[in-house]
């Protein structure tokens, strides 16, 4: 684990831009592969049946919730370990790593059980189509029941990243994604003598990729669990640090579910159009995802070392990088929205609705950078209340209520929800940041 200490020193001394250039590209590459297999998933399902695209749009919030619990818990472990490295407490860092595996197993069991029981009811809330309800139930139950690969991989990946190992998680995610991509057409369409499973095949390919990725990071990411007497204390500390991230990610589940309900009052095609936006979003949000992954250990380490100047520099560099890269996404959404939609669907109504929506959403990408990075910054410095408030305001106070309000003026107006929400959240984030700079060490970091 000595390499972990040297990597933590790297977080405290190297030029911020060089840190990003070293650790961001592997993360971005891994996320790109992940995004590609999400898109390939929808591409093959859309060719199998148009109703499958609607089913994937409906199940998407549940998948986000699952990822939020897994990754958010991993971020809590990652943050705790990075802070202990910053204070020179290697043994405590290893205790957090050791608690991760049994914690992931317990979370998977509870999540899988609840989703298996409630999946049909959830599907009926979002659509009246019996075919779509059946496909949501089939796909949802498979990806939830076999999600142990996702939970374990997420924990072990964050353990490795806390000690500076970005290469192994990158390899794991790439191999897992490639597995998914290769299995998708084989299982969906029943190629080479395999059974034709349809949307169940897409689900099977997804969980197979997750399990393969978990096996790759297991060797280095698994640590012997500490004494049972330490479990409760370490788990509480993990969730104290990880809950802002869990809340931030799981809030997406509820706001997307809410937006789906609003759009379902117009048509299933409107729900599908929103789902296709989120598929493309996974590619164009890669810069933000990588910045979020990179800045947490850097800011956490330097805040623990009471180097506020370096924390501010890290935030500033992340925002500049993020905005420059997200501008490319804005250009795509403004110039070629129709072509992007036609990749997945040939339904003229989906394309018409989505083209209008993509134009409005593209405008939101620049303020969205600070809207999403500020909560991560506050999480990294232990200001969980500010981080959580930004997330709650964005997803609960603004997104769904504004979506409902704008929808009263018509479907085209609904899409203005995105730029208005991101702008207001950014303004609140700047206000919180100014308050933080006034008294940055008011509370001692856990």
Protein backbone atom coordinates (compact mmCIF):
# COMPACT_ATOMS: atom_id res chain seq x y z
CA UNK A 1 0.00 0.00 0.00
CA UNK A 2 3.05 2.23 0.00
CA UNK A 3 2.20 3.23 -3.55
CA UNK A 4 -0.99 4.71 -2.14
CA UNK A 5 0.99 7.07 0.10
CA UNK A 6 3.21 8.24 -2.78
CA UNK A 7 0.17 8.83 -4.97
CA UNK A 8 -1.44 10.86 -2.19
CA UNK A 9 1.69 12.99 -2.01
CA UNK A 10 1.32 13.42 -5.74
CA UNK A 11 -2.16 14.86 -5.10
CA UNK A 12 -0.62 17.40 -2.74
CA UNK A 13 2.35 18.59 -4.78
CA UNK A 14 1.93 18.16 -8.52
CA UNK A 15 0.49 20.88 -10.74
CA UNK A 16 -3.31 20.51 -10.90
CA UNK A 17 -3.50 20.51 -14.68
CA UNK A 18 -0.87 17.75 -14.80
CA UNK A 19 -2.83 15.67 -12.29
CA UNK A 20 -5.91 15.94 -14.52
CA UNK A 21 -3.91 15.11 -17.62
CA UNK A 22 -2.54 12.02 -15.90
CA UNK A 23 -5.64 10.59 -14.24
CA UNK A 24 -8.52 12.05 -16.29
CA UNK A 25 -7.81 10.37 -19.67
CA UNK A 26 -8.04 6.80 -18.28
CA UNK A 27 -11.26 7.70 -16.48
CA UNK A 28 -12.66 9.37 -19.60
CA UNK A 29 -11.74 6.41 -21.76
CA UNK A 30 -13.42 4.00 -19.38
CA UNK A 31 -16.53 6.20 -19.23
CA UNK A 32 -16.54 6.48 -23.01
CA UNK A 33 -16.63 2.71 -23.31
CA UNK A 34 -19.41 2.62 -20.73
CA UNK A 35 -21.35 5.23 -22.68
CA UNK A 36 -20.87 3.33 -25.91
CA UNK A 37 -22.33 0.16 -24.52
CA UNK A 38 -25.33 2.11 -23.19
CA UNK A 39 -25.87 3.46 -26.67
CA UNK A 40 -25.30 0.08 -28.30
CA UNK A 41 -27.82 -1.40 -25.87
CA UNK A 42 -30.48 1.05 -27.04
CA UNK A 43 -29.43 0.69 -30.66
CA UNK A 44 -30.01 -3.07 -30.74
CA UNK A 45 -33.13 -2.92 -28.58
CA UNK A 46 -34.57 -0.24 -30.87
CA UNK A 47 -33.98 -2.43 -33.90
CA UNK A 48 -35.65 -5.35 -32.13
CA UNK A 49 -38.80 -3.40 -31.17
CA UNK A 50 -39.74 0.29 -30.84
CA UNK A 51 -41.52 -0.55 -27.58
CA UNK A 52 -38.16 -1.66 -26.20
CA UNK A 53 -36.85 1.93 -26.35
CA UNK A 54 -39.77 3.12 -24.26
CA UNK A 55 -39.14 0.29 -21.78
CA UNK A 56 -35.47 1.28 -21.45
CA UNK A 57 -36.48 4.91 -20.87
CA UNK A 58 -38.83 3.84 -18.08
CA UNK A 59 -36.32 1.52 -16.37
CA UNK A 60 -33.50 4.07 -16.62
CA UNK A 61 -34.32 5.82 -13.29
CA UNK A 62 -34.12 2.48 -11.46
CA UNK A 63 -30.72 1.80 -12.98
CA UNK A 64 -29.60 5.26 -11.87
CA UNK A 65 -30.77 4.52 -8.33
CA UNK A 66 -28.80 1.28 -8.29
CA UNK A 67 -25.68 3.05 -9.57
CA UNK A 68 -26.19 5.85 -7.04
CA UNK A 69 -26.17 3.45 -4.10
CA UNK A 70 -23.17 1.51 -5.38
CA UNK A 71 -21.00 4.38 -6.59
CA UNK A 72 -22.03 6.77 -3.82
CA UNK A 73 -20.98 4.26 -1.17
CA UNK A 74 -17.72 3.78 -3.05
CA UNK A 75 -17.17 7.53 -3.09
CA UNK A 76 -17.63 7.59 0.69
CA UNK A 77 -14.91 4.95 1.03
CA UNK A 78 -12.72 6.77 -1.50
CA UNK A 79 -13.06 10.10 0.31
CA UNK A 80 -12.37 8.58 3.74
CA UNK A 81 -9.30 6.76 2.48
CA UNK A 82 -7.89 9.81 0.68
CA UNK A 83 -8.32 11.92 3.82
CA UNK A 84 -6.55 9.27 5.97
CA UNK A 85 -3.67 9.16 3.50
CA UNK A 86 -3.48 12.96 3.75
CA UNK A 87 -3.18 12.65 7.54
CA UNK A 88 -0.72 9.74 7.33
CA UNK A 89 -3.17 7.18 8.78
CA UNK A 90 -2.67 4.24 6.41
CA UNK A 91 -4.09 1.59 8.75
CA UNK A 92 -7.39 3.42 9.09
CA UNK A 93 -7.56 3.77 5.30
CA UNK A 94 -7.23 0.01 4.94
CA UNK A 95 -10.01 -0.53 7.49
CA UNK A 96 -12.39 1.47 5.31
CA UNK A 97 -11.36 -0.62 2.31
CA UNK A 98 -11.97 -3.84 4.24
CA UNK A 99 -15.51 -2.86 5.26
CA UNK A 100 -16.42 -2.20 1.62
CA UNK A 101 -17.02 -5.77 0.43
CA UNK A 102 -19.52 -6.96 3.07
CA UNK A 103 -21.25 -3.58 2.88
CA UNK A 104 -21.65 -3.94 -0.90
CA UNK A 105 -23.05 -7.47 -0.53
CA UNK A 106 -25.64 -6.35 2.00
CA UNK A 107 -26.77 -3.42 -0.12
CA UNK A 108 -27.11 -5.62 -3.21
CA UNK A 109 -29.31 -8.13 -1.38
CA UNK A 110 -31.75 -5.51 -0.11
CA UNK A 111 -31.91 -3.66 -3.42
CA UNK A 112 -32.47 -6.81 -5.49
CA UNK A 113 -35.21 -8.08 -3.20
CA UNK A 114 -37.17 -4.82 -3.16
CA UNK A 115 -36.88 -4.29 -6.93
CA UNK A 116 -37.98 -7.86 -7.73
CA UNK A 117 -41.15 -7.37 -5.69
CA UNK A 118 -42.04 -3.86 -6.86
CA UNK A 119 -40.97 -3.89 -10.52
CA UNK A 120 -44.44 -4.69 -12.04
CA UNK A 121 -46.07 -1.92 -9.98
CA UNK A 122 -43.39 0.56 -11.01
CA UNK A 123 -43.90 -0.30 -14.69
CA UNK A 124 -47.67 0.26 -14.46
CA UNK A 125 -47.11 3.74 -13.04
CA UNK A 126 -45.28 4.85 -16.19
CA UNK A 127 -47.30 3.37 -19.07
CA UNK A 128 -50.62 1.76 -19.98
CA UNK A 129 -49.10 -0.44 -22.68
CA UNK A 130 -49.16 -4.11 -21.64
CA UNK A 131 -46.22 -4.88 -23.94
CA UNK A 132 -44.07 -2.13 -22.44
CA UNK A 133 -45.06 -3.17 -18.89
CA UNK A 134 -43.95 -6.72 -19.62
CA UNK A 135 -40.62 -5.59 -21.07
CA UNK A 136 -39.92 -3.22 -18.19
CA UNK A 137 -40.58 -6.01 -15.69
CA UNK A 138 -38.41 -8.55 -17.49
CA UNK A 139 -35.46 -6.21 -18.06
CA UNK A 140 -35.69 -4.59 -14.64
CA UNK A 141 -35.81 -7.81 -12.67
CA UNK A 142 -32.77 -9.24 -14.44
CA UNK A 143 -30.54 -6.18 -14.04
CA UNK A 144 -31.51 -5.78 -10.36
CA UNK A 145 -31.32 -9.44 -9.31
CA UNK A 146 -27.83 -9.87 -10.80
CA UNK A 147 -26.54 -6.42 -9.80
CA UNK A 148 -24.02 -7.86 -7.30
CA UNK A 149 -21.36 -7.36 -9.98
CA UNK A 150 -22.12 -3.64 -10.14
CA UNK A 151 -22.10 -3.17 -6.35
CA UNK A 152 -18.82 -5.02 -5.83
CA UNK A 153 -17.08 -3.47 -8.83
CA UNK A 154 -18.06 0.05 -7.72
CA UNK A 155 -16.63 -0.43 -4.23
CA UNK A 156 -13.40 -2.09 -5.36
CA UNK A 157 -12.89 0.53 -8.08
CA UNK A 158 -13.13 3.41 -5.60
CA UNK A 159 -10.72 1.64 -3.24
CA UNK A 160 -8.17 1.41 -6.04
CA UNK A 161 -8.72 5.02 -7.14
CA UNK A 162 -8.17 6.25 -3.58
CA UNK A 163 -4.66 4.82 -3.75
CA UNK A 164 -4.03 6.32 -7.18
CA UNK A 165 -4.61 3.18 -9.29
CA UNK A 166 -6.68 4.40 -12.25
CA UNK A 167 -5.37 1.79 -14.68
CA UNK A 168 -6.95 -1.35 -13.23
CA UNK A 169 -10.48 0.14 -12.98
CA UNK A 170 -10.11 1.45 -16.53
CA UNK A 171 -9.21 -2.01 -17.82
CA UNK A 172 -12.08 -3.57 -15.87
CA UNK A 173 -14.67 -1.15 -17.21
CA UNK A 174 -13.42 -1.48 -20.77
CA UNK A 175 -13.47 -5.28 -20.67
CA UNK A 176 -16.91 -5.26 -19.03
CA UNK A 177 -18.28 -2.85 -21.60
CA UNK A 178 -16.83 -4.80 -24.53
CA UNK A 179 -18.41 -7.96 -23.07
CA UNK A 180 -21.76 -6.20 -23.00
CA UNK A 181 -21.39 -4.89 -26.54
CA UNK A 182 -20.45 -8.31 -27.95
CA UNK A 183 -23.22 -10.17 -26.12
CA UNK A 184 -25.98 -7.67 -26.98
CA UNK A 185 -26.69 -8.75 -30.58
CA UNK A 186 -25.98 -12.41 -29.81
CA UNK A 187 -28.55 -12.61 -27.03
CA UNK A 188 -31.13 -10.12 -28.32
CA UNK A 189 -31.42 -11.62 -31.81
CA UNK A 190 -30.34 -15.19 -31.04
CA UNK A 191 -27.29 -15.36 -33.29
CA UNK A 192 -25.03 -18.40 -33.76
CA UNK A 193 -27.56 -20.81 -32.33
CA UNK A 194 -28.19 -18.86 -29.13
CA UNK A 195 -31.81 -18.33 -28.02
CA UNK A 196 -33.58 -15.17 -29.22
CA UNK A 197 -34.13 -13.41 -25.89
CA UNK A 198 -35.13 -9.91 -26.98
CA UNK A 199 -34.96 -7.31 -24.22
CA UNK A 200 -34.07 -10.05 -21.70
CA UNK A 201 -30.93 -10.64 -23.76
CA UNK A 202 -29.97 -6.96 -23.42
CA UNK A 203 -30.37 -7.26 -19.64
CA UNK A 204 -28.30 -10.47 -19.53
CA UNK A 205 -25.52 -8.81 -21.54
CA UNK A 206 -25.49 -5.84 -19.15
CA UNK A 207 -25.10 -7.90 -15.96
CA UNK A 208 -22.51 -10.17 -17.60
CA UNK A 209 -20.33 -7.13 -18.33
CA UNK A 210 -20.69 -5.92 -14.74
CA UNK A 211 -19.67 -9.28 -13.28
CA UNK A 212 -16.62 -9.51 -15.56
CA UNK A 213 -15.54 -5.99 -14.50
CA UNK A 214 -15.92 -6.91 -10.82
CA UNK A 215 -13.72 -9.98 -11.21
CA UNK A 216 -10.94 -7.87 -12.71
CA UNK A 217 -10.79 -5.31 -9.86
CA UNK A 218 -11.36 -7.90 -7.13
CA UNK A 219 -7.71 -8.97 -6.76
CA UNK A 220 -6.40 -5.51 -5.89
CA UNK A 221 -9.58 -3.94 -4.54
CA UNK A 222 -10.52 -6.60 -1.99
CA UNK A 223 -9.13 -6.07 1.52
CA UNK A 224 -9.50 -8.32 4.52
CA UNK A 225 -12.41 -7.01 6.63
CA UNK A 226 -11.35 -5.43 9.95
CA UNK A 227 -12.54 -6.51 13.40
CA UNK A 228 -16.33 -6.65 13.64
CA UNK A 229 -16.26 -4.08 16.43
CA UNK A 230 -15.16 -1.46 13.88
CA UNK A 231 -17.94 -2.15 11.35
CA UNK A 232 -20.60 0.21 12.69
CA UNK A 233 -18.20 3.11 13.21
CA UNK A 234 -16.62 2.79 9.75
CA UNK A 235 -19.94 2.29 7.98
CA UNK A 236 -21.39 5.40 9.61
CA UNK A 237 -18.32 7.38 8.52
CA UNK A 238 -18.60 6.00 4.98
CA UNK A 239 -22.23 7.04 4.67
CA UNK A 240 -21.57 10.42 6.28
CA UNK A 241 -19.13 11.14 3.45
CA UNK A 242 -20.98 9.21 0.75
CA UNK A 243 -24.59 10.27 1.35
CA UNK A 244 -24.21 13.60 -0.51
CA UNK A 245 -23.07 11.65 -3.58
CA UNK A 246 -25.78 9.01 -3.10
CA UNK A 247 -28.36 11.74 -2.71
CA UNK A 248 -27.03 13.60 -5.72
CA UNK A 249 -27.14 10.50 -7.90
CA UNK A 250 -30.37 9.01 -6.57
CA UNK A 251 -32.13 12.34 -6.90
CA UNK A 252 -31.69 11.84 -10.65
CA UNK A 253 -33.86 8.76 -10.29
CA UNK A 254 -36.73 10.72 -8.82
CA UNK A 255 -36.52 13.71 -11.11
CA UNK A 256 -36.27 11.59 -14.27
CA UNK A 257 -39.17 9.48 -13.01
CA UNK A 258 -41.08 12.69 -12.39
CA UNK A 259 -40.26 14.05 -15.84
CA UNK A 260 -41.31 10.72 -17.38
CA UNK A 261 -44.68 10.98 -15.62
CA UNK A 262 -45.15 14.53 -16.93
CA UNK A 263 -44.23 13.54 -20.49
CA UNK A 264 -46.45 10.45 -20.37
CA UNK A 265 -49.44 12.81 -20.26
CA UNK A 266 -48.46 13.86 -23.79
CA UNK A 267 -47.40 10.54 -25.40
CA UNK A 268 -45.12 7.50 -25.12
CA UNK A 269 -43.02 9.10 -27.89
CA UNK A 270 -42.26 12.06 -25.62
CA UNK A 271 -41.03 9.66 -22.91
CA UNK A 272 -38.89 7.89 -25.51
CA UNK A 273 -37.39 11.20 -26.71
CA UNK A 274 -36.32 12.08 -23.17
CA UNK A 275 -34.81 8.62 -22.77
CA UNK A 276 -32.80 9.05 -25.95
CA UNK A 277 -31.45 12.34 -24.64
CA UNK A 278 -30.13 10.56 -21.55
CA UNK A 279 -28.47 7.95 -23.76
CA UNK A 280 -26.58 10.65 -25.64
CA UNK A 281 -25.95 12.50 -22.39
CA UNK A 282 -23.77 9.64 -21.17
CA UNK A 283 -21.26 10.48 -23.90
CA UNK A 284 -21.32 14.26 -23.66
CA UNK A 285 -21.15 14.25 -19.87
CA UNK A 286 -17.93 12.23 -19.85
CA UNK A 287 -15.81 15.36 -19.20
CA UNK A 288 -17.92 16.18 -16.15
CA UNK A 289 -17.84 12.61 -14.89
CA UNK A 290 -14.07 12.49 -15.16
CA UNK A 291 -13.66 15.87 -13.46
CA UNK A 292 -15.86 14.71 -10.58
CA UNK A 293 -13.83 11.53 -10.19
CA UNK A 294 -10.52 13.40 -10.31
CA UNK A 295 -11.23 16.30 -7.97
CA UNK A 296 -12.62 14.34 -5.00
CA UNK A 297 -9.32 12.74 -3.85
CA UNK A 298 -7.29 15.85 -4.74
CA UNK A 299 -9.54 18.28 -2.85
CA UNK A 300 -10.11 15.88 0.05
CA UNK A 301 -6.36 15.34 0.49
CA UNK A 302 -5.48 19.03 0.33
CA UNK A 303 -8.36 20.13 2.55
CA UNK A 304 -7.22 17.63 5.19
CA UNK A 305 -3.73 19.15 4.83
CA UNK A 306 -5.35 22.62 5.20
CA UNK A 307 -4.14 23.78 1.80
CA UNK A 308 -7.17 25.85 0.76
CA UNK A 309 -5.37 27.55 -2.11
CA UNK A 310 -4.85 24.20 -3.81
CA UNK A 311 -8.50 23.26 -3.27
CA UNK A 312 -9.61 26.46 -5.01
CA UNK A 313 -7.17 25.89 -7.85
CA UNK A 314 -8.49 22.37 -8.34
CA UNK A 315 -12.08 23.60 -8.54
CA UNK A 316 -11.20 26.38 -10.96
CA UNK A 317 -9.26 24.07 -13.27
CA UNK A 318 -12.07 21.49 -13.27
CA UNK A 319 -14.66 24.11 -14.23
CA UNK A 320 -12.51 25.50 -17.06
CA UNK A 321 -11.81 22.03 -18.46
CA UNK A 322 -15.44 21.01 -18.08
CA UNK A 323 -16.87 24.07 -19.83
CA UNK A 324 -14.45 23.87 -22.72
CA UNK A 325 -15.36 20.24 -23.36
CA UNK A 326 -19.10 20.62 -22.77
CA UNK A 327 -19.21 23.38 -25.39
CA UNK A 328 -18.61 20.63 -27.95
CA UNK A 329 -21.74 18.89 -26.68
CA UNK A 330 -23.73 22.09 -27.08
CA UNK A 331 -22.68 22.31 -30.73
CA UNK A 332 -23.84 18.75 -31.44
CA UNK A 333 -27.23 19.25 -29.80
CA UNK A 334 -27.81 22.53 -31.64
CA UNK A 335 -26.58 21.49 -35.10
CA UNK A 336 -27.46 17.81 -35.64
CA UNK A 337 -30.23 16.76 -33.21
CA UNK A 338 -32.26 14.98 -35.91
CA UNK A 339 -29.34 12.81 -37.00
CA UNK A 340 -28.61 11.89 -33.36
CA UNK A 341 -32.18 10.74 -32.82
CA UNK A 342 -32.31 8.72 -36.03
CA UNK A 343 -29.45 6.58 -34.77
CA UNK A 344 -31.98 4.90 -32.47
CA UNK A 345 -35.46 5.51 -33.82
CA UNK A 346 -37.27 5.79 -37.14
CA UNK A 347 -40.49 6.99 -35.51
CA UNK A 348 -41.15 10.45 -37.05
CA UNK A 349 -42.97 11.64 -33.92
CA UNK A 350 -40.04 10.73 -31.65
CA UNK A 351 -37.68 12.57 -34.01
CA UNK A 352 -39.93 15.65 -34.19
CA UNK A 353 -40.35 15.91 -30.42
CA UNK A 354 -36.71 15.09 -29.69
CA UNK A 355 -35.31 17.63 -32.17
CA UNK A 356 -37.14 20.46 -30.44
CA UNK A 357 -36.10 19.15 -27.03
CA UNK A 358 -32.44 18.72 -27.96
CA UNK A 359 -32.19 22.38 -29.05
CA UNK A 360 -33.40 23.61 -25.65
CA UNK A 361 -31.38 21.11 -23.63
CA UNK A 362 -28.13 21.93 -25.47
CA UNK A 363 -28.27 25.50 -24.16
CA UNK A 364 -28.11 24.17 -20.58
CA UNK A 365 -24.75 22.42 -20.91
CA UNK A 366 -22.51 25.36 -19.94
CA UNK A 367 -24.23 26.31 -16.64
CA UNK A 368 -24.65 22.59 -15.96
CA UNK A 369 -20.87 22.28 -15.46
CA UNK A 370 -20.85 24.36 -12.28
CA UNK A 371 -24.28 23.02 -11.32
CA UNK A 372 -22.77 19.53 -11.00
CA UNK A 373 -19.21 20.28 -9.88
CA UNK A 374 -20.10 22.49 -6.90
CA UNK A 375 -21.86 19.65 -5.01
CA UNK A 376 -18.81 17.41 -5.53
CA UNK A 377 -16.50 20.13 -4.23
CA UNK A 378 -18.54 20.56 -1.04
CA UNK A 379 -18.68 16.79 -0.59
CA UNK A 380 -14.88 16.58 -0.84
CA UNK A 381 -14.34 19.22 1.87
CA UNK A 382 -16.87 17.61 4.20
CA UNK A 383 -19.63 20.22 3.73
CA UNK A 384 -22.31 17.61 3.25
CA UNK A 385 -25.19 19.99 3.96
CA UNK A 386 -24.24 22.39 1.15
CA UNK A 387 -23.64 19.50 -1.25
CA UNK A 388 -26.99 17.91 -0.42
CA UNK A 389 -28.90 21.17 -0.59
CA UNK A 390 -27.59 21.93 -4.07
CA UNK A 391 -28.67 18.49 -5.22
CA UNK A 392 -32.08 18.66 -3.60
CA UNK A 393 -32.76 22.15 -4.97
CA UNK A 394 -31.74 21.12 -8.48
CA UNK A 395 -33.64 17.85 -8.68
CA UNK A 396 -36.56 18.22 -6.29
CA UNK A 397 -37.23 21.94 -5.93
CA UNK A 398 -36.53 22.98 -9.51
CA UNK A 399 -36.56 20.19 -12.10
CA UNK A 400 -39.90 18.47 -11.56
CA UNK A 401 -41.94 21.51 -10.42
CA UNK A 402 -40.56 23.63 -13.27
CA UNK A 403 -41.14 20.75 -15.69
CA UNK A 404 -44.77 20.59 -14.61
CA UNK A 405 -45.13 24.39 -14.80
CA UNK A 406 -43.62 24.69 -18.28
CA UNK A 407 -45.61 21.67 -19.51
CA UNK A 408 -48.84 23.57 -18.79
CA UNK A 409 -47.90 25.85 -21.70
CA UNK A 410 -47.29 22.89 -24.02
CA UNK A 411 -44.77 20.16 -24.78
CA UNK A 412 -42.34 22.50 -26.54
CA UNK A 413 -42.17 24.71 -23.46
CA UNK A 414 -41.42 21.73 -21.23
CA UNK A 415 -37.84 21.53 -22.51
CA UNK A 416 -37.02 25.00 -21.13
CA UNK A 417 -36.92 23.27 -17.74
CA UNK A 418 -33.29 22.24 -18.39
CA UNK A 419 -31.53 25.61 -19.00
CA UNK A 420 -33.59 27.41 -16.33
CA UNK A 421 -32.85 24.74 -13.70
CA UNK A 422 -29.09 24.62 -14.37
CA UNK A 423 -28.75 28.41 -14.31
CA UNK A 424 -30.58 28.81 -11.00
CA UNK A 425 -28.60 25.95 -9.40
CA UNK A 426 -25.31 27.47 -10.52
CA UNK A 427 -26.21 30.82 -8.95
CA UNK A 428 -26.99 29.08 -5.65
CA UNK A 429 -23.70 27.14 -5.88
CA UNK A 430 -21.71 30.36 -6.27
CA UNK A 431 -23.47 31.77 -3.22
CA UNK A 432 -22.57 28.71 -1.12
CA UNK A 433 -18.97 28.87 -2.37
CA UNK A 434 -18.59 32.49 -1.25
CA UNK A 435 -19.95 31.52 2.19
CA UNK A 436 -17.47 28.63 2.36
CA UNK A 437 -14.49 30.86 1.53
CA UNK A 438 -15.45 33.13 4.42
CA UNK A 439 -15.08 30.32 7.01
CA UNK A 440 -13.50 27.30 5.28
CA UNK A 441 -12.38 25.53 8.49
CA UNK A 442 -15.35 26.26 10.71
CA UNK A 443 -15.86 22.53 11.23
CA UNK A 444 -13.16 19.97 11.63
CA UNK A 445 -13.15 17.34 8.88
CA UNK A 446 -14.24 13.85 9.96
